[in-house]
Amino acid sequence: MLFSILTLAAVPKMAVADAGDCGQPLSEGPAPLASDCLVILQAAVSLRTCEPACVCAPTGGPAASATDALLCLRVATGDEVTLDCPCACDRPAGKWGSRCELNEMGQAGCVDPDGDGPLELGDGQFSEPYGVAVDAAGNVYVTDRSTHRIQKFDADGNFLGKWGSLCRLSDDTGCVDPDGAGPLELGDGQFSEPVGVAVDEAGNVYVGDDGNRRIQKFDSNGNFLTKWGSACFVLQIESCVDPDGEGPLERGDGQFIELPDLAVGGDGFVYVPDGSNHRIQKFDLDGNFIAKWEAYGGAATRNFIPRAIAVDEAANVYSSGPDHSIEQFSADGLQLDNWAGFCRLSDGAGCTDPDGPGPLELGDGQQFQFGGKMAAGHGDRLYSVDDGNSRVQSFRSDGTLVSKWGSECCFDGVNECIDPDGDGPLETGDGQFCGPRGIAAGPGKVLYVAEAQNRRIQRFDCR
């Protein structure tokens, strides 16, 4: 039946391609061509090998089947069928950044990118890039944890602006009042180890000021708008306050012990993982406390130390959970699902093969996550930085693994850096990582990854 349909569609004869020469349905236009469908059929019967294996698989798995080819053909000939192309964002499309230690102790490695031009020493360089976010216009915001500042770039990495400097509120080190007797206060617009960053639909930028246990909100040019939060270690009731006295809020609501990440959902709320307080807090865009939740309840809650968070288009909330898992919640904190789990690829510890002799490999869908973040975007995709294994993994919202890419390459040490295309345009280390931390999905199906130890941002195109 499938053969006759393919014949009636007058699919052109195609030669078996070399590895890497594999058609990408839906990558060049709104619908696949019949020839794309034949590529899928050839992959399904092992006549064609794609590296990376990236074929349109509407039945839900990474491996192609003859049924997938038939469904593809229905779309190519005008039928109302939804195709899901589980392709990776593993094509390096650009990079920027280099080492610049620019702090109160001095500077090392810093350069002035335009000499006597308007840019200054260290602009576009990093000491420890940690968080990354993208606005609707494609502008990229990066937190540089060790230099206590935010840098703004266009989608291609051209420097647009910066703001921030060191202010440690616990002892007022470096803190200044930006407008003297004006409405701003000591330390507004300054940071102590900023890590997480997120952008709302209006282009406002939210920064997790981890060292000062607060969130600061700015417009897209870095003008200070508001702030909220202070230190509170709930388990020891240290510095915790009840924000409304006899009201419905409780001691510690709106305060933090850690601010490793934050996310702004399309539902108009800010979600914050509060690390060792074992909870996630939810705020409106002005910082008003809305809700909080913990996972598992009771003593088991202490295993839930969320350090990453993402919110998808359906307002599902994803966070890092116990034993390197990914936890999925509703916008109200109802636990919906969890997957992944511990795997250290360097020695195989904890790693399993999820489908035995199938196309998946040892450790696929598992992770060894220290401080890596997550990002939702591009439909139902969730991207997770598996920084302990120096890679990125992509999942569907139900936890199905879509793709993976990356390996370790550290420019300041002995490592396995490779040139991915030999004499082609890519360079040694492109598509590899050292200390990947932040990740963000941008418009136009692009993805940005911040590498803390290689001091750079890498851009990837999604197929």
Protein backbone atom coordinates (compact mmCIF):
# COMPACT_ATOMS: atom_id res chain seq x y z
CA MET A 1 0.00 0.00 0.00
CA LEU A 2 2.75 2.43 0.91
CA PHE A 3 4.70 1.58 -2.25
CA SER A 4 1.71 2.24 -4.50
CA ILE A 5 0.99 5.60 -2.90
CA LEU A 6 4.59 6.67 -3.26
CA THR A 7 4.51 5.62 -6.93
CA LEU A 8 1.31 7.58 -7.63
CA ALA A 9 2.90 10.68 -6.11
CA ALA A 10 5.65 10.48 -8.73
CA VAL A 11 8.40 10.73 -6.15
CA PRO A 12 11.67 11.35 -8.00
CA LYS A 13 14.34 8.70 -7.79
CA MET A 14 17.11 9.69 -5.38
CA ALA A 15 20.57 8.24 -5.00
CA VAL A 16 21.57 6.89 -1.64
CA ALA A 17 23.25 9.80 0.14
CA ASP A 18 26.44 9.90 2.05
CA ALA A 19 26.31 10.32 5.83
CA GLY A 20 25.32 13.86 6.64
CA ASP A 21 23.45 14.46 3.34
CA CYS A 22 19.95 13.94 4.61
CA GLY A 23 16.90 15.99 3.66
CA GLN A 24 15.23 17.95 6.44
CA PRO A 25 11.45 18.10 6.00
CA LEU A 26 9.89 21.43 7.00
CA SER A 27 13.31 23.07 7.31
CA GLU A 28 13.10 25.08 4.08
CA GLY A 29 9.40 25.85 3.80
CA PRO A 30 5.91 25.39 5.23
CA ALA A 31 5.52 21.80 3.93
CA PRO A 32 7.79 18.91 2.98
CA LEU A 33 8.37 17.81 -0.60
CA ALA A 34 7.54 14.31 -1.76
CA SER A 35 11.30 13.78 -2.12
CA ASP A 36 11.68 14.50 1.60
CA CYS A 37 9.23 11.72 2.31
CA LEU A 38 11.30 9.30 0.26
CA VAL A 39 14.32 10.25 2.35
CA ILE A 40 12.35 9.22 5.42
CA LEU A 41 11.35 5.93 3.83
CA GLN A 42 14.97 5.21 2.90
CA ALA A 43 16.04 5.93 6.49
CA ALA A 44 13.25 3.68 7.79
CA VAL A 45 14.53 0.70 5.77
CA SER A 46 18.19 1.48 6.50
CA LEU A 47 19.12 2.51 2.95
CA ARG A 48 20.19 5.93 4.14
CA THR A 49 22.18 6.97 7.18
CA CYS A 50 21.95 10.49 8.49
CA GLU A 51 24.55 12.00 10.79
CA PRO A 52 23.13 13.42 12.90
CA ALA A 53 20.07 11.21 12.58
CA CYS A 54 17.41 13.86 12.06
CA VAL A 55 14.29 12.71 10.29
CA CYS A 56 10.66 13.69 10.56
CA ALA A 57 9.02 11.21 12.92
CA PRO A 58 5.37 12.13 13.51
CA THR A 59 4.64 8.89 15.36
CA GLY A 60 6.61 10.14 18.33
CA GLY A 61 10.04 8.49 18.33
CA PRO A 62 13.49 9.58 17.11
CA ALA A 63 13.69 6.62 14.68
CA ALA A 64 11.87 6.82 11.33
CA SER A 65 9.31 4.27 10.22
CA ALA A 66 7.46 3.56 6.99
CA THR A 67 4.34 5.00 8.60
CA ASP A 68 6.22 8.24 9.14
CA ALA A 69 6.99 8.38 5.44
CA LEU A 70 3.31 7.87 4.61
CA LEU A 71 2.21 10.62 6.97
CA CYS A 72 4.88 12.90 5.50
CA LEU A 73 3.53 12.20 2.01
CA ARG A 74 0.01 13.09 3.12
CA VAL A 75 1.25 16.51 4.22
CA ALA A 76 3.23 16.94 1.01
CA THR A 77 0.07 16.30 -1.03
CA GLY A 78 -2.15 18.60 1.03
CA ASP A 79 -3.70 16.51 3.82
CA GLU A 80 -4.31 18.00 7.27
CA VAL A 81 -1.73 16.03 9.23
CA THR A 82 0.52 17.46 11.92
CA LEU A 83 4.17 16.57 11.54
CA ASP A 84 6.61 16.72 14.40
CA CYS A 85 10.20 16.96 13.26
CA PRO A 86 12.38 16.07 16.26
CA CYS A 87 15.50 17.72 14.94
CA ALA A 88 18.37 19.07 16.98
CA CYS A 89 19.58 22.62 17.46
CA ASP A 90 23.11 21.32 17.03
CA ARG A 91 24.29 23.38 14.04
CA PRO A 92 26.81 25.97 15.31
CA ALA A 93 25.82 29.29 13.75
CA GLY A 94 28.03 31.75 15.59
CA LYS A 95 29.88 32.51 18.80
CA TRP A 96 31.29 35.45 20.69
CA GLY A 97 33.20 36.26 23.83
CA SER A 98 36.59 35.65 25.38
CA ARG A 99 38.18 35.87 28.82
CA CYS A 100 38.20 39.19 30.62
CA GLU A 101 38.69 39.32 34.38
CA LEU A 102 37.44 42.81 35.13
CA ASN A 103 36.78 43.39 38.81
CA GLU A 104 37.86 45.26 41.90
CA MET A 105 41.14 43.31 41.89
CA GLY A 106 42.10 44.61 38.45
CA GLN A 107 41.83 43.28 34.91
CA ALA A 108 43.34 40.42 32.94
CA GLY A 109 42.81 39.45 29.32
CA CYS A 110 40.56 42.43 28.62
CA VAL A 111 40.69 44.28 25.33
CA ASP A 112 39.00 47.36 23.92
CA PRO A 113 37.08 46.01 20.92
CA ASP A 114 37.11 49.26 18.92
CA GLY A 115 40.15 51.16 20.17
CA ASP A 116 39.19 54.80 20.51
CA GLY A 117 35.58 54.09 19.57
CA PRO A 118 32.57 54.20 21.87
CA LEU A 119 33.11 50.71 23.30
CA GLU A 120 35.18 50.23 26.43
CA LEU A 121 37.64 47.75 27.89
CA GLY A 122 36.02 44.33 28.25
CA ASP A 123 32.84 45.03 26.31
CA GLY A 124 31.68 41.77 24.73
CA GLN A 125 34.03 39.68 26.88
CA PHE A 126 33.20 37.62 29.97
CA SER A 127 34.60 36.36 33.21
CA GLU A 128 31.82 33.88 34.02
CA PRO A 129 28.79 34.07 31.72
CA TYR A 130 26.00 32.29 33.51
CA GLY A 131 22.46 33.19 32.48
CA VAL A 132 21.15 34.07 29.04
CA ALA A 133 17.75 35.35 27.86
CA VAL A 134 16.36 36.52 24.51
CA ASP A 135 13.64 39.10 23.91
CA ALA A 136 11.04 39.13 21.12
CA ALA A 137 13.31 41.27 18.93
CA GLY A 138 16.12 38.71 19.21
CA ASN A 139 18.32 40.74 21.57
CA VAL A 140 20.41 38.58 23.89
CA TYR A 141 21.03 39.41 27.58
CA VAL A 142 23.88 37.69 29.46
CA THR A 143 24.65 37.77 33.17
CA ASP A 144 28.39 37.84 33.91
CA ARG A 145 28.48 36.46 37.43
CA SER A 146 32.03 37.38 38.40
CA THR A 147 31.99 40.93 36.99
CA HIS A 148 28.53 41.63 38.46
CA ARG A 149 27.00 43.02 35.28
CA ILE A 150 24.57 42.41 32.43
CA GLN A 151 25.59 42.70 28.79
CA LYS A 152 23.18 43.12 25.89
CA PHE A 153 23.86 41.93 22.32
CA ASP A 154 21.96 41.63 19.08
CA ALA A 155 21.15 38.20 17.68
CA ASP A 156 24.57 37.95 16.02
CA GLY A 157 26.56 38.89 19.12
CA ASN A 158 27.20 42.56 18.39
CA PHE A 159 27.56 44.47 21.66
CA LEU A 160 24.67 46.86 22.41
CA GLY A 161 25.04 47.85 26.05
CA LYS A 162 25.77 46.90 29.65
CA TRP A 163 24.85 47.79 33.19
CA GLY A 164 25.73 46.83 36.74
CA SER A 165 28.69 46.70 39.10
CA LEU A 166 29.51 45.09 42.43
CA CYS A 167 27.32 45.87 45.42
CA ARG A 168 27.26 43.46 48.35
CA LEU A 169 24.38 44.65 50.51
CA SER A 170 25.39 42.60 53.55
CA ASP A 171 28.26 45.03 54.25
CA ASP A 172 27.64 47.76 51.61
CA THR A 173 30.81 46.84 49.72
CA GLY A 174 30.86 48.79 46.45
CA CYS A 175 27.31 50.03 46.85
CA VAL A 176 26.30 53.46 45.58
CA ASP A 177 23.06 55.42 45.45
CA PRO A 178 22.48 55.98 41.72
CA ASP A 179 20.42 59.17 42.09
CA GLY A 180 21.48 60.67 45.42
CA ALA A 181 18.42 62.11 47.08
CA GLY A 182 16.13 60.66 44.38
CA PRO A 183 13.74 57.72 44.73
CA LEU A 184 16.37 55.04 44.07
CA GLU A 185 18.21 53.46 46.97
CA LEU A 186 21.70 52.24 47.79
CA GLY A 187 22.65 49.40 45.45
CA ASP A 188 19.77 49.71 42.98
CA GLY A 189 21.01 48.55 39.59
CA GLN A 190 24.09 46.87 41.07
CA PHE A 191 24.61 43.17 41.72
CA SER A 192 26.41 40.56 43.72
CA GLU A 193 26.87 37.47 41.54
CA PRO A 194 23.92 37.76 39.15
CA VAL A 195 23.02 34.40 37.64
CA GLY A 196 19.49 34.01 36.30
CA VAL A 197 17.98 36.38 33.74
CA ALA A 198 14.59 36.42 32.00
CA VAL A 199 12.62 38.75 29.74
CA ASP A 200 8.86 39.39 29.66
CA GLU A 201 6.72 40.04 26.58
CA ALA A 202 7.15 43.81 26.98
CA GLY A 203 10.95 43.46 26.86
CA ASN A 204 11.56 44.12 30.56
CA VAL A 205 14.55 42.27 32.01
CA TYR A 206 14.51 40.39 35.34
CA VAL A 207 17.80 39.52 37.01
CA GLY A 208 18.37 37.09 39.87
CA ASP A 209 20.80 38.98 42.12
CA ASP A 210 21.89 35.81 43.90
CA GLY A 211 24.41 37.27 46.33
CA ASN A 212 21.88 39.87 47.50
CA ARG A 213 18.93 37.42 47.61
CA ARG A 214 16.71 39.62 45.47
CA ILE A 215 15.28 40.10 41.99
CA GLN A 216 15.76 43.34 40.11
CA LYS A 217 13.63 44.46 37.15
CA PHE A 218 14.87 46.77 34.38
CA ASP A 219 13.66 48.05 31.05
CA SER A 220 15.43 46.77 27.94
CA ASN A 221 18.08 49.50 28.23
CA GLY A 222 18.99 48.68 31.81
CA ASN A 223 17.01 51.42 33.55
CA PHE A 224 16.04 50.27 37.03
CA LEU A 225 12.31 49.70 37.55
CA THR A 226 11.79 47.79 40.78
CA LYS A 227 13.15 45.06 43.07
CA TRP A 228 11.95 42.53 45.61
CA GLY A 229 13.34 39.94 47.99
CA SER A 230 15.77 39.58 50.87
CA ALA A 231 17.57 36.76 52.69
CA CYS A 232 15.58 34.09 54.52
CA PHE A 233 16.64 30.54 55.35
CA VAL A 234 13.27 28.99 56.10
CA LEU A 235 14.50 25.85 57.87
CA GLN A 236 16.37 27.92 60.44
CA ILE A 237 13.98 30.89 60.35
CA GLU A 238 16.97 33.18 59.84
CA SER A 239 16.04 36.77 58.90
CA CYS A 240 12.59 35.62 57.81
CA VAL A 241 9.68 38.02 58.10
CA ASP A 242 5.92 37.78 57.64
CA PRO A 243 5.22 40.28 54.84
CA ASP A 244 1.59 40.99 55.80
CA GLY A 245 1.39 40.32 59.52
CA GLU A 246 -1.95 38.67 60.23
CA GLY A 247 -2.72 38.35 56.51
CA PRO A 248 -2.69 35.21 54.35
CA LEU A 249 1.05 35.29 53.63
CA GLU A 250 3.47 33.37 55.80
CA ARG A 251 6.90 33.96 57.24
CA GLY A 252 9.49 33.94 54.44
CA ASP A 253 7.11 34.45 51.54
CA GLY A 254 8.86 36.59 48.93
CA GLN A 255 12.30 36.02 50.47
CA PHE A 256 15.09 33.71 49.27
CA ILE A 257 18.09 31.75 50.42
CA GLU A 258 19.33 31.11 46.86
CA LEU A 259 18.41 32.58 43.47
CA PRO A 260 20.05 30.23 40.96
CA ASP A 261 17.56 30.94 38.16
CA LEU A 262 14.23 32.51 37.23
CA ALA A 263 11.76 32.37 34.35
CA VAL A 264 8.93 34.56 33.06
CA GLY A 265 6.02 32.64 31.63
CA GLY A 266 3.68 33.70 28.86
CA ASP A 267 1.01 33.67 31.57
CA GLY A 268 2.53 36.85 32.99
CA PHE A 269 4.14 35.45 36.13
CA VAL A 270 7.71 35.15 37.38
CA TYR A 271 8.77 31.72 38.65
CA VAL A 272 11.79 31.41 40.94
CA PRO A 273 13.50 28.26 42.28
CA ASP A 274 14.47 28.99 45.87
CA GLY A 275 17.29 26.42 46.15
CA SER A 276 17.93 25.23 49.69
CA ASN A 277 14.53 26.49 50.83
CA HIS A 278 13.27 23.52 48.78
CA ARG A 279 10.55 25.40 46.97
CA ILE A 280 9.46 27.36 43.93
CA GLN A 281 7.93 30.80 44.36
CA LYS A 282 5.58 32.57 41.94
CA PHE A 283 5.18 36.36 41.59
CA ASP A 284 3.41 38.80 39.33
CA LEU A 285 5.53 41.03 37.11
CA ASP A 286 5.79 43.69 39.82
CA GLY A 287 7.10 41.26 42.42
CA ASN A 288 3.88 40.67 44.36
CA PHE A 289 3.90 37.21 45.91
CA ILE A 290 1.32 34.86 44.38
CA ALA A 291 2.11 31.32 45.53
CA LYS A 292 4.78 28.80 46.48
CA TRP A 293 5.12 25.04 46.38
CA GLU A 294 7.38 22.26 47.48
CA ALA A 295 7.74 18.78 46.01
CA TYR A 296 7.13 15.44 47.71
CA GLY A 297 6.18 16.89 51.08
CA GLY A 298 7.47 16.05 54.54
CA ALA A 299 11.07 15.07 55.09
CA ALA A 300 11.47 14.09 51.41
CA THR A 301 11.07 17.75 50.51
CA ARG A 302 14.66 18.28 51.59
CA ASN A 303 15.79 16.34 48.52
CA PHE A 304 14.10 18.92 46.29
CA ILE A 305 16.70 21.65 45.74
CA PRO A 306 15.57 23.37 42.52
CA ARG A 307 18.34 25.21 40.67
CA ALA A 308 16.85 25.57 37.19
CA ILE A 309 13.44 26.54 35.88
CA ALA A 310 11.58 27.00 32.60
CA VAL A 311 7.97 27.67 31.59
CA ASP A 312 6.51 26.53 28.27
CA GLU A 313 3.71 27.98 26.13
CA ALA A 314 1.12 25.90 27.98
CA ALA A 315 2.34 27.31 31.35
CA ASN A 316 3.86 24.01 32.39
CA VAL A 317 6.70 24.66 34.82
CA TYR A 318 9.87 22.58 34.68
CA SER A 319 12.52 22.47 37.38
CA SER A 320 15.56 20.46 38.32
CA GLY A 321 14.69 17.91 40.98
CA PRO A 322 16.24 15.21 43.18
CA ASP A 323 18.94 12.95 41.75
CA HIS A 324 19.35 15.11 38.62
CA SER A 325 15.74 14.62 37.54
CA ILE A 326 13.48 17.04 35.66
CA GLU A 327 10.21 17.82 37.43
CA GLN A 328 7.11 19.06 35.62
CA PHE A 329 4.43 21.09 37.44
CA SER A 330 1.28 22.93 36.51
CA ALA A 331 1.30 26.73 36.88
CA ASP A 332 -0.35 26.17 40.29
CA GLY A 333 2.31 23.78 41.54
CA LEU A 334 0.60 20.44 40.89
CA GLN A 335 3.27 17.86 40.14
CA LEU A 336 2.54 16.37 36.71
CA ASP A 337 5.54 14.25 35.76
CA ASN A 338 9.27 13.68 36.21
CA TRP A 339 11.99 12.04 34.18
CA ALA A 340 15.76 11.89 33.57
CA GLY A 341 17.92 10.98 36.55
CA PHE A 342 21.60 10.60 37.30
CA CYS A 343 24.15 9.53 34.68
CA ARG A 344 27.85 10.44 34.64
CA LEU A 345 29.07 9.68 31.15
CA SER A 346 32.78 9.92 32.03
CA ASP A 347 32.67 6.58 33.84
CA GLY A 348 29.14 5.33 33.12
CA ALA A 349 27.98 5.70 36.72
CA GLY A 350 24.19 5.45 36.91
CA CYS A 351 23.80 5.37 33.14
CA THR A 352 21.27 3.10 31.43
CA ASP A 353 20.29 2.44 27.81
CA PRO A 354 16.60 3.42 27.63
CA ASP A 355 15.69 1.18 24.68
CA GLY A 356 18.24 -1.63 24.77
CA PRO A 357 19.25 -2.50 21.19
CA GLY A 358 17.19 0.42 19.82
CA PRO A 359 18.55 3.67 18.39
CA LEU A 360 19.02 5.38 21.76
CA GLU A 361 22.36 5.12 23.53
CA LEU A 362 23.72 4.77 27.06
CA GLY A 363 22.72 7.77 29.15
CA ASP A 364 20.24 9.25 26.67
CA GLY A 365 17.60 11.20 28.60
CA GLN A 366 19.65 11.16 31.81
CA GLN A 367 21.86 13.96 33.08
CA PHE A 368 24.62 14.98 35.46
CA GLN A 369 23.56 18.52 36.20
CA PHE A 370 25.46 20.88 38.52
CA GLY A 371 24.28 24.38 37.66
CA GLY A 372 22.91 23.99 34.14
CA LYS A 373 19.69 25.77 33.26
CA MET A 374 16.66 24.91 31.17
CA ALA A 375 14.73 26.72 28.46
CA ALA A 376 11.35 26.15 26.86
CA GLY A 377 10.60 27.20 23.32
CA HIS A 378 10.09 26.20 19.70
CA GLY A 379 6.73 24.52 20.23
CA ASP A 380 6.73 21.88 22.93
CA ARG A 381 10.50 21.65 23.24
CA LEU A 382 12.36 21.75 26.55
CA TYR A 383 16.12 22.21 26.41
CA SER A 384 18.20 21.10 29.39
CA VAL A 385 21.87 21.93 29.92
CA ASP A 386 23.50 18.73 31.12
CA ASP A 387 26.61 20.60 32.22
CA GLY A 388 28.25 17.72 34.09
CA ASN A 389 28.24 15.78 30.82
CA SER A 390 29.09 18.83 28.68
CA ARG A 391 26.03 18.55 26.46
CA VAL A 392 22.52 19.82 25.81
CA GLN A 393 19.48 17.57 25.59
CA SER A 394 16.11 18.36 24.03
CA PHE A 395 12.85 16.81 25.23
CA ARG A 396 9.20 16.99 24.34
CA SER A 397 6.87 18.19 27.08
CA ASP A 398 6.10 14.56 27.96
CA GLY A 399 9.77 13.78 28.61
CA THR A 400 10.49 12.03 25.31
CA LEU A 401 14.09 12.58 24.26
CA VAL A 402 14.30 14.42 20.93
CA SER A 403 18.01 15.04 20.50
CA LYS A 404 21.35 15.64 22.20
CA TRP A 405 24.59 17.30 21.22
CA GLY A 406 27.90 18.45 22.63
CA SER A 407 30.98 17.04 24.31
CA GLU A 408 33.72 18.48 26.50
CA CYS A 409 36.18 20.99 25.10
CA CYS A 410 37.93 23.33 27.56
CA PHE A 411 40.25 25.85 25.98
CA ASP A 412 42.36 26.28 29.13
CA GLY A 413 43.12 22.61 29.70
CA VAL A 414 43.90 19.25 28.13
CA ASN A 415 40.71 18.06 26.47
CA GLU A 416 39.08 16.55 23.43
CA CYS A 417 38.48 19.62 21.30
CA ILE A 418 37.69 18.77 17.69
CA ASP A 419 37.06 20.61 14.44
CA PRO A 420 33.54 19.46 13.47
CA ASP A 421 33.92 20.04 9.72
CA GLY A 422 37.63 19.79 8.99
CA ASP A 423 38.52 22.45 6.46
CA GLY A 424 35.00 23.91 6.55
CA PRO A 425 33.93 27.20 8.11
CA LEU A 426 33.62 25.82 11.65
CA GLU A 427 36.55 25.96 14.06
CA THR A 428 37.97 23.71 16.77
CA GLY A 429 35.58 23.52 19.70
CA ASP A 430 32.49 24.73 17.86
CA GLY A 431 29.49 22.81 19.17
CA GLN A 432 31.41 21.56 22.21
CA PHE A 433 31.21 22.94 25.73
CA CYS A 434 33.14 23.65 28.91
CA GLY A 435 30.96 24.57 31.87
CA PRO A 436 27.73 25.24 29.96
CA ARG A 437 25.29 27.05 32.25
CA GLY A 438 22.65 29.25 30.68
CA ILE A 439 20.41 28.48 27.72
CA ALA A 440 17.71 30.42 25.89
CA ALA A 441 15.53 29.84 22.84
CA GLY A 442 15.17 32.81 20.52
CA PRO A 443 12.86 33.76 17.65
CA GLY A 444 13.63 32.18 14.30
CA LYS A 445 14.41 28.82 15.91
CA VAL A 446 17.80 29.69 17.31
CA LEU A 447 19.31 28.65 20.60
CA TYR A 448 21.99 30.33 22.73
CA VAL A 449 24.21 28.57 25.28
CA ALA A 450 26.42 30.38 27.83
CA GLU A 451 29.71 28.63 28.65
CA ALA A 452 31.08 29.78 31.99
CA GLN A 453 34.56 28.22 31.60
CA ASN A 454 35.11 28.95 27.91
CA ARG A 455 33.81 32.50 28.51
CA ARG A 456 31.65 32.61 25.43
CA ILE A 457 28.15 32.40 24.01
CA GLN A 458 27.41 29.89 21.27
CA ARG A 459 24.49 30.24 18.89
CA PHE A 460 22.87 27.20 17.28
CA ASP A 461 20.32 26.93 14.48
CA CYS A 462 17.48 24.48 14.92
CA ARG A 463 16.33 22.27 12.06
